[in-house]
Amino acid sequence: MADPIALSARDLGYRISRKPILQDINLDIPAGSISALLGPNGAGKTTLLKLLAGLRSASAGVVRIDGIAVSSIPPAERARTLAFVPQHIPDGIPLSVFEFIALGRVPHLGAFGRLAAGDRDAVCDALETVELGDKAEVRLDTLSGGERQRAAIARALAQSAPILLLDEPTNHLDLRHQHKLQQLLVRLAESGKTVIEVLHDLALAANYADHVVLIDHGRLVADGSPEQVMREDCLRAVYECPLRLVRHAPRGWHMEMPQAA
């Protein structure tokens, strides 16, 4: 029996003017898993993530959830299904951390747009999950870059969507919080959520992702398990340098750069 699919992309393409950014992407994102989108700078990872999230309109092809085109789903309904975490939170947002995270509850609010007790509980749970419980009343724009990134993740968690999409979520995080975030994503996937994240750290992808998508020059190179995709020959071709994935324990992969012959 085939694994359930959370999102599917068929013949997906994206252009800016006449320049192709993505071409001929055919991809199934397995439900209840962590999928890592990998590739060098400029490969098209963020564009693909935004197309999967319905935040950009494809120039060709379609992204579907349960057979329904994401682009045809009304924004409020889509926000109850897909939660997106951007790379950067803009400076100068005049909200407290609690107020910012509470924005994740907007798709669930009733006619009067007021937070009910359940909404406040969801915000408080998200704050504690990302270790920002003591910052709830602090202005968002006084936080460090890493703390703001954690607040953005908390906002997505408060959204309670079954599919979570994150664009380079470890970018501003220290080493401890990088691994704590990945461990949280593993728990979310084990609870049934589907996680899709853009990563640059290949070792993080190897250790925590169930499914890896490798992109180069706007085209899908390979997708599958880390062992299937992150082969030395494949990585060398995409990253144009020798890279080797080495396992030293269960969930204990690291990357090596062998000396060129």
Protein backbone atom coordinates (compact mmCIF):
# COMPACT_ATOMS: atom_id res chain seq x y z
CA MET A 1 0.00 0.00 0.00
CA ALA A 2 1.43 3.37 -1.02
CA ASP A 3 2.24 5.94 1.64
CA PRO A 4 -0.31 8.78 1.87
CA ILE A 5 0.61 11.97 0.03
CA ALA A 6 0.17 15.40 1.66
CA LEU A 7 1.04 17.55 -1.38
CA SER A 8 1.68 16.72 -5.01
CA ALA A 9 3.28 18.88 -7.71
CA ARG A 10 2.82 18.04 -11.37
CA ASP A 11 4.75 19.66 -14.23
CA LEU A 12 5.35 22.62 -11.95
CA GLY A 13 7.17 25.63 -13.35
CA TYR A 14 7.80 29.24 -12.40
CA ARG A 15 9.17 32.08 -14.51
CA ILE A 16 10.11 35.69 -13.87
CA SER A 17 9.60 37.51 -17.16
CA ARG A 18 11.01 34.91 -19.53
CA LYS A 19 13.59 33.51 -17.13
CA PRO A 20 12.74 30.01 -15.83
CA ILE A 21 13.27 29.66 -12.07
CA LEU A 22 11.69 26.19 -11.79
CA GLN A 23 10.91 23.73 -14.56
CA ASP A 24 9.08 20.40 -14.85
CA ILE A 25 8.88 19.61 -11.13
CA ASN A 26 7.00 16.38 -10.42
CA LEU A 27 7.01 15.63 -6.73
CA ASP A 28 4.99 13.91 -4.01
CA ILE A 29 5.44 15.05 -0.40
CA PRO A 30 4.67 12.14 1.96
CA ALA A 31 2.24 12.86 4.78
CA GLY A 32 3.38 12.66 8.40
CA SER A 33 7.04 13.08 7.49
CA ILE A 34 9.84 15.65 7.34
CA SER A 35 10.83 16.58 3.79
CA ALA A 36 14.02 18.63 3.37
CA LEU A 37 14.49 20.73 0.23
CA LEU A 38 18.21 20.86 -0.57
CA GLY A 39 20.38 22.45 -3.24
CA PRO A 40 22.93 25.22 -3.76
CA ASN A 41 22.12 28.92 -3.57
CA GLY A 42 19.83 29.96 -6.39
CA ALA A 43 18.62 26.41 -7.07
CA GLY A 44 14.95 27.38 -6.59
CA LYS A 45 14.27 25.91 -3.13
CA THR A 46 12.44 28.90 -1.66
CA THR A 47 10.42 29.38 -4.84
CA LEU A 48 9.34 25.74 -4.71
CA LEU A 49 8.41 26.06 -1.04
CA LYS A 50 6.25 29.13 -1.74
CA LEU A 51 4.54 27.38 -4.65
CA LEU A 52 3.77 24.41 -2.40
CA ALA A 53 2.38 26.83 0.20
CA GLY A 54 0.19 28.60 -2.36
CA LEU A 55 2.01 31.90 -1.80
CA ARG A 56 3.03 32.17 -5.45
CA SER A 57 1.13 31.30 -8.60
CA ALA A 58 2.80 28.74 -10.83
CA SER A 59 3.63 29.66 -14.42
CA ALA A 60 2.94 26.04 -15.36
CA GLY A 61 1.58 22.92 -13.68
CA VAL A 62 -0.27 22.61 -10.41
CA VAL A 63 0.13 21.83 -6.68
CA ARG A 64 -2.68 19.75 -5.15
CA ILE A 65 -3.88 18.76 -1.68
CA ASP A 66 -6.27 15.81 -1.72
CA GLY A 67 -6.76 16.35 -5.42
CA ILE A 68 -7.66 20.04 -5.00
CA ALA A 69 -5.45 22.73 -6.54
CA VAL A 70 -3.87 24.79 -3.73
CA SER A 71 -4.34 27.94 -5.83
CA SER A 72 -8.12 27.42 -5.80
CA ILE A 73 -8.43 27.18 -2.00
CA PRO A 74 -9.65 30.45 -0.37
CA PRO A 75 -6.87 32.11 1.70
CA ALA A 76 -8.53 31.63 5.12
CA GLU A 77 -9.18 27.96 4.44
CA ARG A 78 -5.68 27.50 3.05
CA ALA A 79 -4.24 29.06 6.23
CA ARG A 80 -6.03 26.40 8.28
CA THR A 81 -4.22 23.75 6.24
CA LEU A 82 -0.79 25.26 5.48
CA ALA A 83 1.39 27.29 7.87
CA PHE A 84 4.42 29.06 6.40
CA VAL A 85 7.51 30.30 8.27
CA PRO A 86 9.59 32.79 6.24
CA GLN A 87 13.36 33.19 6.39
CA HIS A 88 13.19 36.68 7.89
CA ILE A 89 10.74 38.57 10.09
CA PRO A 90 10.68 42.29 9.14
CA ASP A 91 12.03 44.82 11.63
CA GLY A 92 9.71 47.29 13.29
CA ILE A 93 6.59 45.16 13.80
CA PRO A 94 4.83 47.08 16.64
CA LEU A 95 3.51 44.03 18.49
CA SER A 96 4.37 42.12 21.61
CA VAL A 97 5.61 38.56 21.17
CA PHE A 98 2.24 37.24 22.37
CA GLU A 99 0.33 39.46 19.93
CA PHE A 100 2.56 38.40 17.06
CA ILE A 101 2.14 34.69 17.77
CA ALA A 102 -1.62 35.21 18.22
CA LEU A 103 -1.76 36.19 14.54
CA GLY A 104 -1.50 32.47 13.88
CA ARG A 105 -5.00 32.06 15.35
CA VAL A 106 -6.63 34.51 12.91
CA PRO A 107 -7.84 31.77 10.50
CA HIS A 108 -9.69 30.13 13.41
CA LEU A 109 -11.36 33.20 14.95
CA GLY A 110 -15.09 33.69 14.93
CA ALA A 111 -17.11 36.59 13.52
CA PHE A 112 -15.88 39.07 16.13
CA GLY A 113 -12.21 38.17 15.70
CA ARG A 114 -11.57 37.82 19.43
CA LEU A 115 -9.28 35.29 21.04
CA ALA A 116 -11.19 32.66 23.00
CA ALA A 117 -9.69 30.68 25.86
CA GLY A 118 -8.66 27.89 23.47
CA ASP A 119 -6.88 30.39 21.22
CA ARG A 120 -4.94 31.82 24.15
CA ASP A 121 -4.00 28.32 25.26
CA ALA A 122 -2.68 27.57 21.75
CA VAL A 123 -0.55 30.73 21.83
CA CYS A 124 0.79 29.98 25.32
CA ASP A 125 1.61 26.39 24.34
CA ALA A 126 3.49 27.63 21.27
CA LEU A 127 5.43 30.16 23.37
CA GLU A 128 6.54 27.45 25.79
CA THR A 129 7.41 25.05 22.98
CA VAL A 130 9.96 27.49 21.51
CA GLU A 131 11.18 28.60 24.98
CA LEU A 132 9.85 32.15 24.74
CA GLY A 133 7.36 31.95 27.60
CA ASP A 134 9.21 34.67 29.53
CA LYS A 135 9.13 37.00 26.50
CA ALA A 136 5.36 37.08 25.93
CA GLU A 137 4.92 40.78 26.78
CA VAL A 138 8.22 41.94 25.24
CA ARG A 139 8.13 43.90 21.99
CA LEU A 140 8.93 41.64 19.05
CA ASP A 141 11.38 44.16 17.55
CA THR A 142 13.57 44.05 20.69
CA LEU A 143 14.32 40.34 20.26
CA SER A 144 17.48 38.93 18.74
CA GLY A 145 17.34 37.46 15.25
CA GLY A 146 17.26 33.93 16.65
CA GLU A 147 14.47 34.77 19.09
CA ARG A 148 12.43 36.37 16.30
CA GLN A 149 12.85 33.22 14.24
CA ARG A 150 11.59 31.14 17.14
CA ALA A 151 8.61 33.51 17.49
CA ALA A 152 7.82 32.98 13.80
CA ILE A 153 7.90 29.22 14.34
CA ALA A 154 5.62 29.64 17.37
CA ARG A 155 3.15 31.65 15.26
CA ALA A 156 3.02 28.76 12.76
CA LEU A 157 2.55 26.24 15.59
CA ALA A 158 -0.32 28.32 17.00
CA GLN A 159 -1.92 28.18 13.56
CA SER A 160 -2.55 24.43 14.15
CA ALA A 161 -2.27 23.60 10.45
CA PRO A 162 -1.55 19.99 9.47
CA ILE A 163 1.16 21.04 6.98
CA LEU A 164 4.08 23.18 8.15
CA LEU A 165 6.45 24.80 5.64
CA LEU A 166 9.67 26.47 6.85
CA ASP A 167 12.16 28.46 4.78
CA GLU A 168 15.66 27.97 6.24
CA PRO A 169 14.33 27.83 9.82
CA THR A 170 17.78 27.24 11.34
CA ASN A 171 19.31 30.32 9.71
CA HIS A 172 19.43 32.54 12.82
CA LEU A 173 19.51 29.82 15.46
CA ASP A 174 22.49 28.77 17.55
CA LEU A 175 23.59 25.14 17.45
CA ARG A 176 21.50 24.09 20.46
CA HIS A 177 18.31 25.60 19.09
CA GLN A 178 18.96 24.18 15.61
CA HIS A 179 18.85 20.67 17.03
CA LYS A 180 16.00 21.44 19.42
CA LEU A 181 13.97 22.71 16.48
CA GLN A 182 14.68 19.61 14.42
CA GLN A 183 13.76 17.40 17.38
CA LEU A 184 10.49 19.35 17.68
CA LEU A 185 9.79 18.82 13.98
CA VAL A 186 10.39 15.09 14.40
CA ARG A 187 7.82 15.02 17.22
CA LEU A 188 5.34 16.98 15.10
CA ALA A 189 5.78 14.54 12.21
CA GLU A 190 5.34 11.60 14.58
CA SER A 191 2.06 13.19 15.73
CA GLY A 192 0.83 13.29 12.13
CA LYS A 193 1.89 16.70 10.85
CA THR A 194 3.68 17.06 7.52
CA VAL A 195 6.83 19.19 7.66
CA ILE A 196 8.59 20.67 4.62
CA GLU A 197 11.73 22.71 5.22
CA VAL A 198 14.44 24.35 3.16
CA LEU A 199 17.85 23.52 4.63
CA HIS A 200 21.44 24.33 3.76
CA ASP A 201 22.93 22.08 6.44
CA LEU A 202 23.19 18.68 4.78
CA ALA A 203 24.02 16.91 8.05
CA LEU A 204 20.83 18.24 9.68
CA ALA A 205 18.85 16.97 6.71
CA ALA A 206 20.50 13.56 6.87
CA ASN A 207 19.90 13.20 10.60
CA TYR A 208 16.33 14.46 10.84
CA ALA A 209 14.56 14.28 7.47
CA ASP A 210 12.65 11.23 6.27
CA HIS A 211 12.47 12.50 2.70
CA VAL A 212 15.01 14.60 0.81
CA VAL A 213 14.38 16.66 -2.33
CA LEU A 214 17.50 17.75 -4.24
CA ILE A 215 17.15 20.67 -6.66
CA ASP A 216 19.68 22.27 -8.97
CA HIS A 217 19.21 25.05 -11.56
CA GLY A 218 15.45 24.92 -11.08
CA ARG A 219 15.11 21.21 -11.81
CA LEU A 220 14.45 18.20 -9.61
CA VAL A 221 17.61 16.09 -9.46
CA ALA A 222 16.36 13.38 -7.09
CA ASP A 223 14.02 12.73 -4.19
CA GLY A 224 13.74 9.88 -1.73
CA SER A 225 15.34 8.86 1.57
CA PRO A 226 18.60 10.57 2.61
CA GLU A 227 20.52 7.37 1.76
CA GLN A 228 18.98 7.26 -1.72
CA VAL A 229 19.50 10.92 -2.59
CA MET A 230 22.58 12.09 -0.69
CA ARG A 231 25.02 9.86 -2.51
CA GLU A 232 28.55 11.08 -3.09
CA ASP A 233 28.22 11.18 -6.88
CA CYS A 234 24.92 13.05 -6.72
CA LEU A 235 26.14 15.62 -4.18
CA ARG A 236 29.37 16.18 -6.10
CA ALA A 237 27.44 16.89 -9.30
CA VAL A 238 25.05 19.36 -7.64
CA TYR A 239 27.41 21.15 -5.23
CA GLU A 240 30.45 20.91 -7.53
CA CYS A 241 32.72 19.71 -4.73
CA PRO A 242 33.42 16.32 -3.15
CA LEU A 243 30.95 15.54 -0.35
CA ARG A 244 30.33 12.25 1.40
CA LEU A 245 27.59 11.30 3.85
CA VAL A 246 28.99 9.05 6.60
CA ARG A 247 26.99 7.22 9.26
CA HIS A 248 28.51 6.58 12.68
CA ALA A 249 25.31 5.81 14.68
CA PRO A 250 21.55 5.64 14.17
CA ARG A 251 20.51 9.23 13.32
CA GLY A 252 24.23 9.98 13.48
CA TRP A 253 25.17 11.13 9.99
CA HIS A 254 27.83 13.70 9.25
CA MET A 255 29.26 15.17 6.07
CA GLU A 256 32.86 14.73 4.99
CA MET A 257 34.72 16.49 2.22
CA PRO A 258 37.23 13.93 0.90
CA GLN A 259 40.41 15.19 -0.66
CA ALA A 260 40.04 15.56 -4.41
CA ALA A 261 41.97 12.96 -6.34
